[in-house]
Amino acid sequence: MPELRCIPGLVVVLCGPSGAGKSTLVARLQASLADVRFSVSYTTRPMRRGEVHGDDYYFVEPSQFAELVEQGAFLEHATVHENSYGTHRGQVEGFAAEGALVVLDIDVQGAAQVRRAGADVLFVFILPPSIAELERRLRGRGTDTEDVIAKRLGVARAEMSEATLFDYVVVNGDLDIAVADLLAILRAERLRRGAAETVFRLGL
């Protein structure tokens, strides 16, 4: 008889300031776990060089975004740096129904909306090792003006002040360590959520 393993699906909200390395962590998760499904957000911001519609974001016009909001299509949505972002409810629910590990890369406003909805979601905040390192990463992109960088750093400080509201905090200084920490958190949470189902199936 095959070993009984009850590892349920899990929806994970990853938050952190721009430059904290969330996208890199998500890519490493996808390389490490076969059942990771990344919720691709909708946004009104312009596409950056190298980005792909449908892979990085669904890039839509403000009028299209407003129509989706009116339809109630978003699990959460927010405006950050003068651009709107939203997580499509149907996409998340579909992945979760398959028992996948669904990852949402959203901002603290969006996380607060999901938290208020009372869903069984894991909240993880990604921190940079320091503000100085965060600034270095933002400048290293070479895509933003000085004004934009200053705004991002100001928003980052406000966002990081809310880190204590999250279930876990992961400091992304050394990428390999941050990935290992995140994988350990996800495994522990899936085992915890699967405990009751395992006991039920064993007839205990």
C-alpha atoms as a PDB file:
ATOM      1  CA  MET A   1       0.000   0.000   0.000  1.00  0.00           C
ATOM      2  CA  PRO A   2       1.442   3.425  -0.884  1.00  0.00           C
ATOM      3  CA  GLU A   3       2.340   5.752   1.976  1.00  0.00           C
ATOM      4  CA  LEU A   4      -0.514   8.019   3.011  1.00  0.00           C
ATOM      5  CA  ARG A   5       0.564  11.645   2.638  1.00  0.00           C
ATOM      6  CA  CYS A   6      -1.979  14.429   3.076  1.00  0.00           C
ATOM      7  CA  ILE A   7      -0.283  17.659   2.039  1.00  0.00           C
ATOM      8  CA  PRO A   8      -3.068  20.163   1.372  1.00  0.00           C
ATOM      9  CA  GLY A   9      -3.080  23.198  -0.843  1.00  0.00           C
ATOM     10  CA  LEU A  10      -1.984  26.481   0.670  1.00  0.00           C
ATOM     11  CA  VAL A  11      -2.442  30.121  -0.333  1.00  0.00           C
ATOM     12  CA  VAL A  12       0.564  32.233   0.643  1.00  0.00           C
ATOM     13  CA  VAL A  13       0.683  36.022   0.620  1.00  0.00           C
ATOM     14  CA  LEU A  14       4.221  37.363   0.153  1.00  0.00           C
ATOM     15  CA  CYS A  15       4.697  41.032   0.965  1.00  0.00           C
ATOM     16  CA  GLY A  16       7.688  43.289   1.147  1.00  0.00           C
ATOM     17  CA  PRO A  17       9.014  46.559  -0.215  1.00  0.00           C
ATOM     18  CA  SER A  18      10.041  46.940  -3.827  1.00  0.00           C
ATOM     19  CA  GLY A  19      13.605  45.638  -4.016  1.00  0.00           C
ATOM     20  CA  ALA A  20      13.261  43.107  -1.187  1.00  0.00           C
ATOM     21  CA  GLY A  21      13.657  40.258  -3.670  1.00  0.00           C
ATOM     22  CA  LYS A  22      10.151  38.771  -3.714  1.00  0.00           C
ATOM     23  CA  SER A  23      10.228  37.933  -7.431  1.00  0.00           C
ATOM     24  CA  THR A  24      13.555  36.127  -7.064  1.00  0.00           C
ATOM     25  CA  LEU A  25      12.229  34.146  -4.100  1.00  0.00           C
ATOM     26  CA  VAL A  26       9.123  33.154  -6.059  1.00  0.00           C
ATOM     27  CA  ALA A  27      11.303  31.956  -8.945  1.00  0.00           C
ATOM     28  CA  ARG A  28      13.356  29.840  -6.542  1.00  0.00           C
ATOM     29  CA  LEU A  29      10.181  28.383  -5.029  1.00  0.00           C
ATOM     30  CA  GLN A  30       8.951  27.436  -8.485  1.00  0.00           C
ATOM     31  CA  ALA A  31      12.265  25.718  -9.179  1.00  0.00           C
ATOM     32  CA  SER A  32      12.144  23.835  -5.863  1.00  0.00           C
ATOM     33  CA  LEU A  33       8.492  22.751  -5.643  1.00  0.00           C
ATOM     34  CA  ALA A  34       6.532  21.163  -8.467  1.00  0.00           C
ATOM     35  CA  ASP A  35       3.102  22.322  -7.328  1.00  0.00           C
ATOM     36  CA  VAL A  36       3.771  26.053  -6.939  1.00  0.00           C
ATOM     37  CA  ARG A  37       1.309  28.230  -8.807  1.00  0.00           C
ATOM     38  CA  PHE A  38       2.051  31.950  -8.977  1.00  0.00           C
ATOM     39  CA  SER A  39      -0.919  34.270  -9.086  1.00  0.00           C
ATOM     40  CA  VAL A  40      -0.122  36.714 -11.881  1.00  0.00           C
ATOM     41  CA  SER A  41      -1.411  40.148 -10.900  1.00  0.00           C
ATOM     42  CA  TYR A  42      -3.193  42.630 -13.123  1.00  0.00           C
ATOM     43  CA  THR A  43      -1.639  46.091 -13.305  1.00  0.00           C
ATOM     44  CA  THR A  44      -2.049  49.428 -15.032  1.00  0.00           C
ATOM     45  CA  ARG A  45       1.648  50.272 -14.907  1.00  0.00           C
ATOM     46  CA  PRO A  46       3.691  50.280 -18.129  1.00  0.00           C
ATOM     47  CA  MET A  47       5.527  47.117 -19.091  1.00  0.00           C
ATOM     48  CA  ARG A  48       9.250  47.198 -18.273  1.00  0.00           C
ATOM     49  CA  ARG A  49      11.981  45.956 -20.571  1.00  0.00           C
ATOM     50  CA  GLY A  50      12.142  42.163 -20.505  1.00  0.00           C
ATOM     51  CA  GLU A  51       8.698  41.660 -18.967  1.00  0.00           C
ATOM     52  CA  VAL A  52       6.130  39.402 -20.640  1.00  0.00           C
ATOM     53  CA  HIS A  53       2.372  39.917 -20.585  1.00  0.00           C
ATOM     54  CA  GLY A  54       0.763  37.010 -18.765  1.00  0.00           C
ATOM     55  CA  ASP A  55       4.000  35.861 -17.151  1.00  0.00           C
ATOM     56  CA  ASP A  56       5.085  38.869 -15.087  1.00  0.00           C
ATOM     57  CA  TYR A  57       1.757  40.721 -15.018  1.00  0.00           C
ATOM     58  CA  TYR A  58      -1.411  41.120 -17.018  1.00  0.00           C
ATOM     59  CA  PHE A  59      -0.908  44.655 -18.306  1.00  0.00           C
ATOM     60  CA  VAL A  60      -4.258  46.415 -18.790  1.00  0.00           C
ATOM     61  CA  GLU A  61      -5.521  49.927 -19.357  1.00  0.00           C
ATOM     62  CA  PRO A  62      -6.951  51.861 -16.370  1.00  0.00           C
ATOM     63  CA  SER A  63     -10.443  51.595 -17.880  1.00  0.00           C
ATOM     64  CA  GLN A  64     -10.157  47.799 -18.100  1.00  0.00           C
ATOM     65  CA  PHE A  65      -8.921  47.621 -14.525  1.00  0.00           C
ATOM     66  CA  ALA A  66     -11.822  49.757 -13.297  1.00  0.00           C
ATOM     67  CA  GLU A  67     -14.271  47.469 -15.088  1.00  0.00           C
ATOM     68  CA  LEU A  68     -12.812  44.399 -13.367  1.00  0.00           C
ATOM     69  CA  VAL A  69     -13.093  46.149  -9.995  1.00  0.00           C
ATOM     70  CA  GLU A  70     -16.744  46.927 -10.735  1.00  0.00           C
ATOM     71  CA  GLN A  71     -17.359  43.258 -11.588  1.00  0.00           C
ATOM     72  CA  GLY A  72     -15.870  42.139  -8.253  1.00  0.00           C
ATOM     73  CA  ALA A  73     -13.250  40.111 -10.093  1.00  0.00           C
ATOM     74  CA  PHE A  74     -10.401  40.909  -7.689  1.00  0.00           C
ATOM     75  CA  LEU A  75      -9.644  39.199  -4.396  1.00  0.00           C
ATOM     76  CA  GLU A  76      -7.724  42.368  -3.549  1.00  0.00           C
ATOM     77  CA  HIS A  77      -6.621  45.466  -5.379  1.00  0.00           C
ATOM     78  CA  ALA A  78      -4.655  48.572  -4.501  1.00  0.00           C
ATOM     79  CA  THR A  79      -2.954  51.620  -5.963  1.00  0.00           C
ATOM     80  CA  VAL A  80       0.794  51.839  -5.361  1.00  0.00           C
ATOM     81  CA  HIS A  81       3.193  54.393  -6.858  1.00  0.00           C
ATOM     82  CA  GLU A  82       0.260  55.807  -8.887  1.00  0.00           C
ATOM     83  CA  ASN A  83      -0.421  52.443 -10.565  1.00  0.00           C
ATOM     84  CA  SER A  84      -3.150  49.907  -9.764  1.00  0.00           C
ATOM     85  CA  TYR A  85      -2.568  46.221  -9.015  1.00  0.00           C
ATOM     86  CA  GLY A  86      -5.085  43.437  -8.470  1.00  0.00           C
ATOM     87  CA  THR A  87      -5.245  39.690  -7.765  1.00  0.00           C
ATOM     88  CA  HIS A  88      -7.873  37.867  -9.801  1.00  0.00           C
ATOM     89  CA  ARG A  89     -10.182  35.874  -7.515  1.00  0.00           C
ATOM     90  CA  GLY A  90     -10.948  33.144 -10.064  1.00  0.00           C
ATOM     91  CA  GLN A  91      -7.293  32.397 -10.700  1.00  0.00           C
ATOM     92  CA  VAL A  92      -6.495  31.934  -6.993  1.00  0.00           C
ATOM     93  CA  GLU A  93      -9.589  29.853  -6.283  1.00  0.00           C
ATOM     94  CA  GLY A  94      -8.896  27.617  -9.270  1.00  0.00           C
ATOM     95  CA  PHE A  95      -5.315  26.878  -8.213  1.00  0.00           C
ATOM     96  CA  ALA A  96      -6.326  26.318  -4.582  1.00  0.00           C
ATOM     97  CA  ALA A  97      -9.012  23.834  -5.634  1.00  0.00           C
ATOM     98  CA  GLU A  98      -6.277  21.783  -7.305  1.00  0.00           C
ATOM     99  CA  GLY A  99      -4.397  21.541  -3.976  1.00  0.00           C
ATOM    100  CA  ALA A 100      -1.531  23.699  -5.217  1.00  0.00           C
ATOM    101  CA  LEU A 101       0.752  26.038  -3.306  1.00  0.00           C
ATOM    102  CA  VAL A 102      -0.630  29.365  -4.522  1.00  0.00           C
ATOM    103  CA  VAL A 103       1.707  32.353  -4.131  1.00  0.00           C
ATOM    104  CA  LEU A 104       0.415  35.933  -4.131  1.00  0.00           C
ATOM    105  CA  ASP A 105       3.029  38.688  -4.419  1.00  0.00           C
ATOM    106  CA  ILE A 106       1.034  41.700  -3.219  1.00  0.00           C
ATOM    107  CA  ASP A 107       1.527  44.882  -1.210  1.00  0.00           C
ATOM    108  CA  VAL A 108       0.500  45.531   2.406  1.00  0.00           C
ATOM    109  CA  GLN A 109      -2.765  47.197   1.329  1.00  0.00           C
ATOM    110  CA  GLY A 110      -3.752  44.076  -0.564  1.00  0.00           C
ATOM    111  CA  ALA A 111      -2.658  41.836   2.296  1.00  0.00           C
ATOM    112  CA  ALA A 112      -4.884  43.811   4.659  1.00  0.00           C
ATOM    113  CA  GLN A 113      -7.853  43.267   2.334  1.00  0.00           C
ATOM    114  CA  VAL A 114      -7.210  39.506   2.219  1.00  0.00           C
ATOM    115  CA  ARG A 115      -6.767  39.436   6.013  1.00  0.00           C
ATOM    116  CA  ARG A 116     -10.081  41.220   6.561  1.00  0.00           C
ATOM    117  CA  ALA A 117     -11.807  38.668   4.325  1.00  0.00           C
ATOM    118  CA  GLY A 118     -10.968  36.012   6.933  1.00  0.00           C
ATOM    119  CA  ALA A 119      -9.566  33.491   4.456  1.00  0.00           C
ATOM    120  CA  ASP A 120      -7.238  30.691   5.598  1.00  0.00           C
ATOM    121  CA  VAL A 121      -4.116  32.282   4.140  1.00  0.00           C
ATOM    122  CA  LEU A 122      -0.481  32.301   5.281  1.00  0.00           C
ATOM    123  CA  PHE A 123       1.077  35.784   5.469  1.00  0.00           C
ATOM    124  CA  VAL A 124       4.864  36.130   5.028  1.00  0.00           C
ATOM    125  CA  PHE A 125       6.755  39.433   4.971  1.00  0.00           C
ATOM    126  CA  ILE A 126      10.080  39.680   3.109  1.00  0.00           C
ATOM    127  CA  LEU A 127      12.539  42.178   4.560  1.00  0.00           C
ATOM    128  CA  PRO A 128      15.801  43.480   3.083  1.00  0.00           C
ATOM    129  CA  PRO A 129      18.797  43.255   5.447  1.00  0.00           C
ATOM    130  CA  SER A 130      18.901  47.055   5.695  1.00  0.00           C
ATOM    131  CA  ILE A 131      17.551  50.255   4.153  1.00  0.00           C
ATOM    132  CA  ALA A 132      20.998  50.915   2.670  1.00  0.00           C
ATOM    133  CA  GLU A 133      20.943  47.549   0.871  1.00  0.00           C
ATOM    134  CA  LEU A 134      17.406  48.187  -0.331  1.00  0.00           C
ATOM    135  CA  GLU A 135      18.491  51.521  -1.824  1.00  0.00           C
ATOM    136  CA  ARG A 136      21.472  49.839  -3.485  1.00  0.00           C
ATOM    137  CA  ARG A 137      19.174  47.263  -5.106  1.00  0.00           C
ATOM    138  CA  LEU A 138      16.746  49.897  -6.346  1.00  0.00           C
ATOM    139  CA  ARG A 139      19.547  51.936  -7.890  1.00  0.00           C
ATOM    140  CA  GLY A 140      21.026  48.786  -9.413  1.00  0.00           C
ATOM    141  CA  ARG A 141      17.913  48.266 -11.504  1.00  0.00           C
ATOM    142  CA  GLY A 142      18.702  51.384 -13.516  1.00  0.00           C
ATOM    143  CA  THR A 143      15.006  51.848 -14.345  1.00  0.00           C
ATOM    144  CA  ASP A 144      13.901  54.568 -11.918  1.00  0.00           C
ATOM    145  CA  THR A 145      14.592  58.275 -11.528  1.00  0.00           C
ATOM    146  CA  GLU A 146      15.878  59.794  -8.293  1.00  0.00           C
ATOM    147  CA  ASP A 147      12.371  61.001  -7.433  1.00  0.00           C
ATOM    148  CA  VAL A 148      10.921  57.527  -7.944  1.00  0.00           C
ATOM    149  CA  ILE A 149      13.652  55.922  -5.835  1.00  0.00           C
ATOM    150  CA  ALA A 150      13.014  58.426  -3.032  1.00  0.00           C
ATOM    151  CA  LYS A 151       9.281  57.644  -3.170  1.00  0.00           C
ATOM    152  CA  ARG A 152       9.934  53.898  -3.120  1.00  0.00           C
ATOM    153  CA  LEU A 153      12.181  54.220  -0.065  1.00  0.00           C
ATOM    154  CA  GLY A 154       9.533  56.270   1.730  1.00  0.00           C
ATOM    155  CA  VAL A 155       6.855  53.684   0.944  1.00  0.00           C
ATOM    156  CA  ALA A 156       9.252  50.906   1.975  1.00  0.00           C
ATOM    157  CA  ARG A 157       9.686  52.353   5.458  1.00  0.00           C
ATOM    158  CA  ALA A 158       5.911  52.560   5.894  1.00  0.00           C
ATOM    159  CA  GLU A 159       5.424  49.007   4.620  1.00  0.00           C
ATOM    160  CA  MET A 160       8.140  47.538   6.838  1.00  0.00           C
ATOM    161  CA  SER A 161       6.489  49.047   9.908  1.00  0.00           C
ATOM    162  CA  GLU A 162       3.647  46.567   9.336  1.00  0.00           C
ATOM    163  CA  ALA A 163       5.846  43.456   9.235  1.00  0.00           C
ATOM    164  CA  THR A 164       4.796  42.433  12.765  1.00  0.00           C
ATOM    165  CA  LEU A 165       1.216  41.897  11.519  1.00  0.00           C
ATOM    166  CA  PHE A 166       2.398  38.928   9.444  1.00  0.00           C
ATOM    167  CA  ASP A 167       2.661  35.260  10.455  1.00  0.00           C
ATOM    168  CA  TYR A 168       6.356  35.089   9.539  1.00  0.00           C
ATOM    169  CA  VAL A 169       9.163  37.463   8.592  1.00  0.00           C
ATOM    170  CA  VAL A 170      12.004  36.340   6.317  1.00  0.00           C
ATOM    171  CA  VAL A 171      15.115  38.522   5.923  1.00  0.00           C
ATOM    172  CA  ASN A 172      16.441  38.286   2.375  1.00  0.00           C
ATOM    173  CA  GLY A 173      20.099  39.101   2.821  1.00  0.00           C
ATOM    174  CA  ASP A 174      21.643  35.803   1.753  1.00  0.00           C
ATOM    175  CA  LEU A 175      19.318  34.425  -0.947  1.00  0.00           C
ATOM    176  CA  ASP A 176      20.042  30.746  -0.254  1.00  0.00           C
ATOM    177  CA  ILE A 177      19.274  31.172   3.449  1.00  0.00           C
ATOM    178  CA  ALA A 178      16.083  33.116   2.691  1.00  0.00           C
ATOM    179  CA  VAL A 179      14.919  30.377   0.300  1.00  0.00           C
ATOM    180  CA  ALA A 180      15.655  27.674   2.880  1.00  0.00           C
ATOM    181  CA  ASP A 181      13.759  29.615   5.558  1.00  0.00           C
ATOM    182  CA  LEU A 182      10.763  30.090   3.296  1.00  0.00           C
ATOM    183  CA  LEU A 183      10.689  26.420   2.252  1.00  0.00           C
ATOM    184  CA  ALA A 184      10.816  25.359   5.913  1.00  0.00           C
ATOM    185  CA  ILE A 185       7.887  27.649   6.737  1.00  0.00           C
ATOM    186  CA  LEU A 186       5.788  26.342   3.857  1.00  0.00           C
ATOM    187  CA  ARG A 187       6.452  22.693   4.662  1.00  0.00           C
ATOM    188  CA  ALA A 188       5.598  23.183   8.342  1.00  0.00           C
ATOM    189  CA  GLU A 189       2.378  25.028   7.520  1.00  0.00           C
ATOM    190  CA  ARG A 190       1.229  22.423   5.013  1.00  0.00           C
ATOM    191  CA  LEU A 191       1.907  19.624   7.487  1.00  0.00           C
ATOM    192  CA  ARG A 192       0.018  21.510  10.193  1.00  0.00           C
ATOM    193  CA  ARG A 193      -2.982  22.093   7.944  1.00  0.00           C
ATOM    194  CA  GLY A 194      -2.916  18.466   6.795  1.00  0.00           C
ATOM    195  CA  ALA A 195      -2.816  16.956  10.286  1.00  0.00           C
ATOM    196  CA  ALA A 196      -6.577  16.719  10.779  1.00  0.00           C
ATOM    197  CA  GLU A 197      -7.126  15.232   7.312  1.00  0.00           C
ATOM    198  CA  THR A 198      -4.397  12.658   7.899  1.00  0.00           C
ATOM    199  CA  VAL A 199      -5.955  11.539  11.198  1.00  0.00           C
ATOM    200  CA  PHE A 200      -9.394  11.332   9.532  1.00  0.00           C
ATOM    201  CA  ARG A 201      -8.140   9.180   6.649  1.00  0.00           C
ATOM    202  CA  LEU A 202      -6.355   6.837   9.021  1.00  0.00           C
ATOM    203  CA  GLY A 203      -9.605   6.375  10.950  1.00  0.00           C
ATOM    204  CA  LEU A 204      -8.079   7.506  14.266  1.00  0.00           C
END
